[in-house]
Amino acid sequence: MVALVEERLDSGARGRVHRHAAECPACRELLVAVMRSQSCPGPLDAPLPPCGPAAARTWTPPGVLDEFHLVRLLGRGGMGAVYLAHDTSLDRLVALKLSVALEPDTSTLDSFAIEARAIARIKHPNVVTVFRAGQVEGRPYLVYEYVDGKSLAELALPLPWRYALDIALGLARGLRAAHQRGVLHRDVKPGNAILDADGSIKLLDFGLAAFVGTDRSKPWAVPGVVGTPRYMAPEVRLGAPATPQSDLYALGLLVYELCTGRVPHVRASGADRVAAALVPLVDLVPGVDLDFAEAVERCLEEDPSARFGRVDALCTALERLGARGQDAGFAPVRSAAIAETRP
């Protein structure tokens, strides 16, 4: 199944995968998710969006939605488009996300509702703020704070590991705030994190989030294969429920990519397992702090129980490293420093 994601199977092997999936519910669900992702743009870097003929046709929004005047398109994703807009009631710039499918399907409508509820639960400087939700011509839209910056997917990699540490700490804090409010993100990746002009980092796009109880004495597990295949935890790829540890895996993979400019290739390991061919950070990043490397690689353990039990523990480890760096005279990341890494 993993080789199928990487498009490394010949026709005979693909046939065997399909025959196995016909008899295995977990693999069948994953196969459907993979096929959906491969039939839309960005097979490994995009979440699993609705596909088909209707997905190719788009609706053009009016220039004015309630008190919001659209200024320009900022970007498109699997679930809709994001525009820079002017909020005339408060005279400020905002980001407005709306569905642009001619006939939005149920999953798209659900995604907007989930995202609005998820972000409304979380109030944290490392999570983008949602201002309001509305509808135009039967299509949902969400209004967020406008972050004037770059997504991590737009940065020239690799970054110096100290900058990656600062980013990792901000994202870990944002993810901790989400988990504390009973929200699993389920799609942590560079494209869903944005670096503000002042150097602060924000987690965004909770359209695939899942809600769980905030009682930490009970296990958190949300069934369903969703997310971006490239950043899925090994157990989720195999159909296991999403957990806080699968969010941690994705965060660790993101930070590993920031430091090295690469994502480890997922490989098959035995009949029913997957594993990442992980090259240690110390072999790829000269001078990297050994404790930082250990924290990142712990997030990437194949066995979820070997990862940090909670994001709180990762935050504590990164905060200790950050404080140690400040004592040594290292300045925190700033936009100018990030700009220096671009060609």
Protein backbone atom coordinates (compact mmCIF):
# COMPACT_ATOMS: atom_id res chain seq x y z
CA MET A 1 0.00 0.00 0.00
CA VAL A 2 2.84 2.40 0.85
CA ALA A 3 4.58 1.65 -2.44
CA LEU A 4 1.29 2.43 -4.17
CA VAL A 5 1.34 5.90 -2.59
CA GLU A 6 4.87 6.40 -3.92
CA GLU A 7 3.80 5.10 -7.39
CA ARG A 8 6.51 2.41 -7.33
CA LEU A 9 4.36 -0.63 -8.20
CA ASP A 10 4.08 -2.36 -11.56
CA SER A 11 0.67 -3.32 -12.94
CA GLY A 12 0.80 -6.83 -11.44
CA ALA A 13 1.61 -5.57 -7.98
CA ARG A 14 -1.10 -2.92 -8.21
CA GLY A 15 -3.58 -5.66 -9.04
CA ARG A 16 -2.58 -7.63 -5.95
CA VAL A 17 -3.02 -4.52 -3.80
CA HIS A 18 -6.53 -4.02 -5.14
CA ARG A 19 -7.44 -7.66 -4.59
CA HIS A 20 -6.19 -7.50 -1.01
CA ALA A 21 -8.09 -4.25 -0.38
CA ALA A 22 -11.30 -5.92 -1.56
CA GLU A 23 -11.05 -8.26 1.43
CA CYS A 24 -9.52 -5.91 4.02
CA PRO A 25 -11.74 -3.01 5.21
CA ALA A 26 -8.84 -0.98 6.66
CA CYS A 27 -6.74 -1.26 3.50
CA ARG A 28 -9.77 -0.58 1.32
CA GLU A 29 -10.40 2.69 3.18
CA LEU A 30 -6.77 3.69 2.76
CA LEU A 31 -6.81 2.72 -0.92
CA VAL A 32 -9.86 4.88 -1.54
CA ALA A 33 -8.11 7.80 0.20
CA VAL A 34 -4.95 7.32 -1.85
CA MET A 35 -6.83 7.06 -5.14
CA ARG A 36 -8.72 10.25 -4.34
CA SER A 37 -5.48 12.06 -3.56
CA GLN A 38 -3.81 10.82 -6.76
CA SER A 39 -6.68 11.95 -8.98
CA CYS A 40 -6.44 15.54 -7.75
CA PRO A 41 -3.52 18.01 -7.88
CA GLY A 42 -0.74 17.44 -5.38
CA PRO A 43 -1.02 13.71 -4.68
CA LEU A 44 1.39 13.64 -1.77
CA ASP A 45 1.38 17.22 -0.53
CA ALA A 46 -2.37 17.85 -0.54
CA PRO A 47 -5.08 16.56 1.78
CA LEU A 48 -7.64 14.18 0.41
CA PRO A 49 -10.17 16.52 -1.31
CA PRO A 50 -13.39 15.66 -3.08
CA CYS A 51 -12.62 14.74 -6.69
CA GLY A 52 -14.47 14.00 -9.87
CA PRO A 53 -15.87 16.11 -12.71
CA ALA A 54 -17.57 18.57 -10.38
CA ALA A 55 -14.27 19.32 -8.62
CA ALA A 56 -12.79 20.75 -11.82
CA ARG A 57 -15.56 23.33 -12.22
CA THR A 58 -15.45 26.38 -10.01
CA TRP A 59 -17.82 29.14 -8.99
CA THR A 60 -16.72 32.76 -9.13
CA PRO A 61 -17.69 34.65 -5.97
CA PRO A 62 -19.11 38.17 -6.07
CA GLY A 63 -16.75 41.01 -5.31
CA VAL A 64 -18.60 41.87 -2.10
CA LEU A 65 -19.73 39.37 0.53
CA ASP A 66 -21.67 41.12 3.28
CA GLU A 67 -19.23 43.70 4.69
CA PHE A 68 -16.21 42.08 3.05
CA HIS A 69 -14.75 43.36 -0.24
CA LEU A 70 -12.55 40.82 -1.99
CA VAL A 71 -9.15 42.27 -2.92
CA ARG A 72 -7.24 39.38 -4.50
CA LEU A 73 -6.83 35.62 -4.47
CA LEU A 74 -4.26 34.36 -1.95
CA GLY A 75 -4.43 30.67 -2.77
CA ARG A 76 -6.51 27.60 -3.50
CA GLY A 77 -6.74 24.28 -1.68
CA GLY A 78 -8.69 21.06 -1.77
CA MET A 79 -11.68 22.55 0.02
CA GLY A 80 -11.86 26.07 -1.41
CA ALA A 81 -10.10 29.36 -2.10
CA VAL A 82 -8.68 32.00 0.21
CA TYR A 83 -8.94 35.70 -0.63
CA LEU A 84 -7.47 38.81 0.87
CA ALA A 85 -10.49 40.94 1.78
CA HIS A 86 -11.23 44.32 3.28
CA ASP A 87 -13.53 44.30 6.28
CA THR A 88 -15.36 47.58 5.76
CA SER A 89 -17.09 47.49 9.14
CA LEU A 90 -13.79 47.56 11.08
CA ASP A 91 -11.50 48.89 8.33
CA ARG A 92 -9.02 46.00 8.41
CA LEU A 93 -7.63 43.36 6.10
CA VAL A 94 -8.79 39.78 6.67
CA ALA A 95 -8.40 36.40 5.01
CA LEU A 96 -11.66 35.01 3.66
CA LYS A 97 -11.95 31.32 2.82
CA LEU A 98 -14.90 30.04 0.83
CA SER A 99 -16.02 27.07 -1.19
CA VAL A 100 -15.75 27.71 -4.92
CA ALA A 101 -17.10 24.40 -6.21
CA LEU A 102 -20.13 24.73 -8.46
CA GLU A 103 -21.88 22.12 -6.33
CA PRO A 104 -20.18 21.82 -2.93
CA ASP A 105 -20.50 18.27 -1.66
CA THR A 106 -21.28 17.19 1.88
CA SER A 107 -17.64 16.67 2.84
CA THR A 108 -16.76 20.24 1.83
CA LEU A 109 -19.66 21.71 3.77
CA ASP A 110 -18.78 19.57 6.78
CA SER A 111 -15.16 20.68 6.55
CA PHE A 112 -16.09 24.36 6.80
CA ALA A 113 -18.33 23.69 9.78
CA ILE A 114 -15.64 21.61 11.51
CA GLU A 115 -12.96 24.23 10.91
CA ALA A 116 -15.11 27.03 12.30
CA ARG A 117 -15.95 25.03 15.43
CA ALA A 118 -12.37 23.85 15.93
CA ILE A 119 -10.66 27.23 15.71
CA ALA A 120 -13.42 28.89 17.73
CA ARG A 121 -12.52 26.53 20.58
CA ILE A 122 -8.87 27.58 20.53
CA LYS A 123 -7.54 30.97 21.52
CA HIS A 124 -3.77 30.99 21.24
CA PRO A 125 -1.18 33.25 19.56
CA ASN A 126 0.18 30.25 17.61
CA VAL A 127 -3.23 29.39 16.10
CA VAL A 128 -4.85 31.61 13.51
CA THR A 129 -7.96 33.43 14.81
CA VAL A 130 -11.35 33.02 13.15
CA PHE A 131 -13.57 36.12 13.29
CA ARG A 132 -16.83 34.85 11.85
CA ALA A 133 -18.60 32.34 9.64
CA GLY A 134 -21.19 33.13 7.01
CA GLN A 135 -22.84 32.04 3.78
CA VAL A 136 -23.13 33.49 0.29
CA GLU A 137 -25.43 31.93 -2.29
CA GLY A 138 -25.64 28.82 -0.17
CA ARG A 139 -21.86 28.43 0.11
CA PRO A 140 -20.05 28.73 3.45
CA TYR A 141 -17.24 31.14 4.10
CA LEU A 142 -14.92 31.76 7.03
CA VAL A 143 -13.18 35.01 7.96
CA TYR A 144 -9.77 34.86 9.64
CA GLU A 145 -7.13 37.25 10.78
CA TYR A 146 -4.87 38.10 7.86
CA VAL A 147 -1.30 36.96 8.47
CA ASP A 148 1.12 38.86 6.24
CA GLY A 149 3.77 36.22 5.79
CA LYS A 150 4.81 32.99 4.11
CA SER A 151 3.70 29.43 4.68
CA LEU A 152 6.48 27.07 5.66
CA ALA A 153 5.96 25.33 2.31
CA GLU A 154 7.18 28.51 0.58
CA LEU A 155 10.51 28.74 2.40
CA ALA A 156 13.82 27.74 0.87
CA LEU A 157 15.05 24.71 2.79
CA PRO A 158 16.92 23.62 4.76
CA LEU A 159 16.74 26.22 7.53
CA PRO A 160 19.38 26.59 10.22
CA TRP A 161 18.35 24.23 13.00
CA ARG A 162 18.06 27.03 15.57
CA TYR A 163 15.42 28.72 13.41
CA ALA A 164 13.65 25.38 13.02
CA LEU A 165 13.69 25.01 16.82
CA ASP A 166 11.93 28.34 17.26
CA ILE A 167 9.30 27.39 14.67
CA ALA A 168 8.87 23.93 16.22
CA LEU A 169 8.26 25.44 19.63
CA GLY A 170 5.56 27.80 18.31
CA LEU A 171 3.78 25.01 16.46
CA ALA A 172 4.03 22.68 19.45
CA ARG A 173 2.44 25.34 21.64
CA GLY A 174 -0.37 25.84 19.13
CA LEU A 175 -0.93 22.10 18.87
CA ARG A 176 -0.92 21.81 22.66
CA ALA A 177 -3.63 24.46 22.87
CA ALA A 178 -5.70 22.52 20.32
CA HIS A 179 -5.33 19.21 22.18
CA GLN A 180 -6.19 20.88 25.47
CA ARG A 181 -9.48 21.94 23.88
CA GLY A 182 -10.18 18.44 22.57
CA VAL A 183 -9.17 19.10 18.94
CA LEU A 184 -6.97 16.79 16.86
CA HIS A 185 -5.63 18.64 13.82
CA ARG A 186 -4.99 15.56 11.60
CA ASP A 187 -3.28 17.54 8.80
CA VAL A 188 -0.17 19.17 10.26
CA LYS A 189 2.20 20.01 7.38
CA PRO A 190 4.28 22.97 6.11
CA GLY A 191 1.44 24.33 4.00
CA ASN A 192 -0.76 24.58 7.10
CA ALA A 193 1.62 26.77 9.08
CA ILE A 194 2.37 30.39 8.30
CA LEU A 195 5.30 32.52 9.40
CA ASP A 196 4.29 36.12 10.16
CA ALA A 197 6.45 39.07 9.20
CA ASP A 198 7.48 39.45 12.86
CA GLY A 199 8.76 35.87 12.98
CA SER A 200 5.83 34.36 14.87
CA ILE A 201 4.34 31.10 13.61
CA LYS A 202 0.68 30.16 13.39
CA LEU A 203 -1.06 26.86 12.80
CA LEU A 204 -4.03 27.01 10.44
CA ASP A 205 -6.47 24.97 8.35
CA PHE A 206 -8.44 22.81 10.76
CA GLY A 207 -10.79 21.55 8.04
CA LEU A 208 -9.88 17.91 8.77
CA ALA A 209 -9.90 18.29 12.55
CA ALA A 210 -11.69 15.87 14.84
CA PHE A 211 -13.22 16.52 18.23
CA VAL A 212 -12.53 14.37 21.25
CA GLY A 213 -13.29 14.66 24.93
CA THR A 214 -10.93 16.71 27.05
CA ASP A 215 -10.77 13.98 29.71
CA ARG A 216 -7.09 12.97 29.57
CA SER A 217 -7.79 9.78 31.54
CA LYS A 218 -9.54 8.28 28.51
CA PRO A 219 -7.71 7.31 25.29
CA TRP A 220 -8.19 9.59 22.30
CA ALA A 221 -8.70 7.83 19.02
CA VAL A 222 -10.58 9.03 15.95
CA PRO A 223 -11.22 6.50 13.16
CA GLY A 224 -10.91 7.29 9.46
CA VAL A 225 -8.03 7.70 7.02
CA VAL A 226 -7.79 11.46 6.41
CA GLY A 227 -4.97 13.90 5.95
CA THR A 228 -2.07 14.36 3.57
CA PRO A 229 -0.49 10.99 2.69
CA ARG A 230 3.07 12.34 2.78
CA TYR A 231 2.68 13.45 6.41
CA MET A 232 0.51 10.63 7.76
CA ALA A 233 1.79 8.67 10.72
CA PRO A 234 2.58 5.02 9.84
CA GLU A 235 -0.32 3.66 11.87
CA VAL A 236 -2.79 6.05 10.22
CA ARG A 237 -1.59 4.97 6.78
CA LEU A 238 -2.55 1.44 7.79
CA GLY A 239 -6.05 2.48 8.89
CA ALA A 240 -5.51 2.94 12.63
CA PRO A 241 -7.37 5.80 14.35
CA ALA A 242 -5.78 9.23 14.63
CA THR A 243 -4.46 10.15 18.07
CA PRO A 244 -2.40 12.95 19.63
CA GLN A 245 0.65 10.82 18.78
CA SER A 246 -0.22 10.92 15.07
CA ASP A 247 -0.35 14.73 15.25
CA LEU A 248 3.05 14.60 16.96
CA TYR A 249 4.44 12.42 14.18
CA ALA A 250 3.34 14.94 11.55
CA LEU A 251 4.87 17.79 13.55
CA GLY A 252 8.14 15.89 13.88
CA LEU A 253 8.18 15.21 10.15
CA LEU A 254 7.57 18.90 9.42
CA VAL A 255 10.49 19.94 11.65
CA TYR A 256 12.74 17.25 10.18
CA GLU A 257 11.95 18.64 6.72
CA LEU A 258 12.71 22.19 7.82
CA CYS A 259 16.13 21.08 9.06
CA THR A 260 17.08 18.81 6.16
CA GLY A 261 14.99 19.87 3.17
CA ARG A 262 13.74 16.30 2.78
CA VAL A 263 10.95 14.02 3.98
CA PRO A 264 11.98 10.43 4.70
CA HIS A 265 10.58 7.99 2.16
CA VAL A 266 8.03 5.62 3.61
CA ARG A 267 8.89 1.99 2.97
CA ALA A 268 7.16 -1.33 3.52
CA SER A 269 8.35 -3.28 6.56
CA GLY A 270 6.91 -6.77 6.70
CA ALA A 271 3.45 -7.77 5.55
CA ASP A 272 1.39 -5.37 7.63
CA ARG A 273 3.71 -2.56 8.73
CA VAL A 274 5.21 0.62 7.39
CA ALA A 275 8.30 2.46 8.54
CA ALA A 276 10.20 5.60 7.62
CA ALA A 277 13.74 5.22 6.31
CA LEU A 278 14.96 7.88 8.73
CA VAL A 279 18.48 9.24 8.48
CA PRO A 280 19.46 10.71 11.88
CA LEU A 281 19.55 14.50 12.00
CA VAL A 282 23.13 14.45 13.26
CA ASP A 283 24.15 12.87 9.95
CA LEU A 284 22.45 15.59 7.89
CA VAL A 285 22.63 18.78 9.97
CA PRO A 286 26.16 19.82 11.01
CA GLY A 287 26.30 21.11 14.59
CA VAL A 288 22.68 20.28 15.44
CA ASP A 289 21.97 20.13 19.15
CA LEU A 290 21.80 16.45 20.15
CA ASP A 291 18.83 17.00 22.48
CA PHE A 292 16.92 18.79 19.73
CA ALA A 293 17.66 15.96 17.30
CA GLU A 294 16.53 13.41 19.88
CA ALA A 295 13.24 15.28 20.47
CA VAL A 296 12.45 15.45 16.76
CA GLU A 297 13.32 11.81 16.17
CA ARG A 298 11.24 10.72 19.16
CA CYS A 299 8.21 12.25 17.45
CA LEU A 300 9.06 10.07 14.43
CA GLU A 301 9.16 6.74 16.23
CA GLU A 302 7.28 4.05 14.30
CA ASP A 303 5.57 2.84 17.48
CA PRO A 304 3.16 5.57 18.70
CA SER A 305 3.77 4.58 22.33
CA ALA A 306 7.46 5.43 21.90
CA ARG A 307 6.64 9.04 20.97
CA PHE A 308 5.92 11.76 23.51
CA GLY A 309 2.79 10.92 25.47
CA ARG A 310 1.46 14.45 25.05
CA VAL A 311 2.43 17.59 23.21
CA ASP A 312 3.00 19.14 26.64
CA ALA A 313 6.12 17.00 27.04
CA LEU A 314 7.47 18.08 23.66
CA CYS A 315 6.81 21.73 24.54
CA THR A 316 8.73 21.33 27.79
CA ALA A 317 11.70 19.81 25.98
CA LEU A 318 11.75 22.52 23.29
CA GLU A 319 11.27 25.33 25.81
CA ARG A 320 14.28 24.05 27.74
CA LEU A 321 16.35 24.04 24.55
CA GLY A 322 15.13 27.51 23.60
CA ALA A 323 16.03 28.92 26.99
CA ARG A 324 19.45 27.31 26.77
CA GLY A 325 19.98 28.94 23.38
CA GLN A 326 19.01 32.38 24.69
CA ASP A 327 21.43 31.98 27.59
CA ALA A 328 24.12 31.24 25.00
CA GLY A 329 23.26 34.46 23.14
CA PHE A 330 21.30 33.03 20.20
CA ALA A 331 18.51 35.35 19.04
CA PRO A 332 15.07 33.93 18.23
CA VAL A 333 14.03 33.62 14.61
CA ARG A 334 12.96 36.79 12.81
CA SER A 335 11.57 37.34 9.35
CA ALA A 336 14.86 38.83 8.14
CA ALA A 337 16.70 35.71 9.16
CA ILE A 338 14.20 33.57 7.27
CA ALA A 339 14.51 35.84 4.25
CA GLU A 340 18.24 35.18 4.19
CA THR A 341 17.53 31.50 3.50
CA ARG A 342 15.62 32.30 0.30
CA PRO A 343 17.46 32.34 -3.01
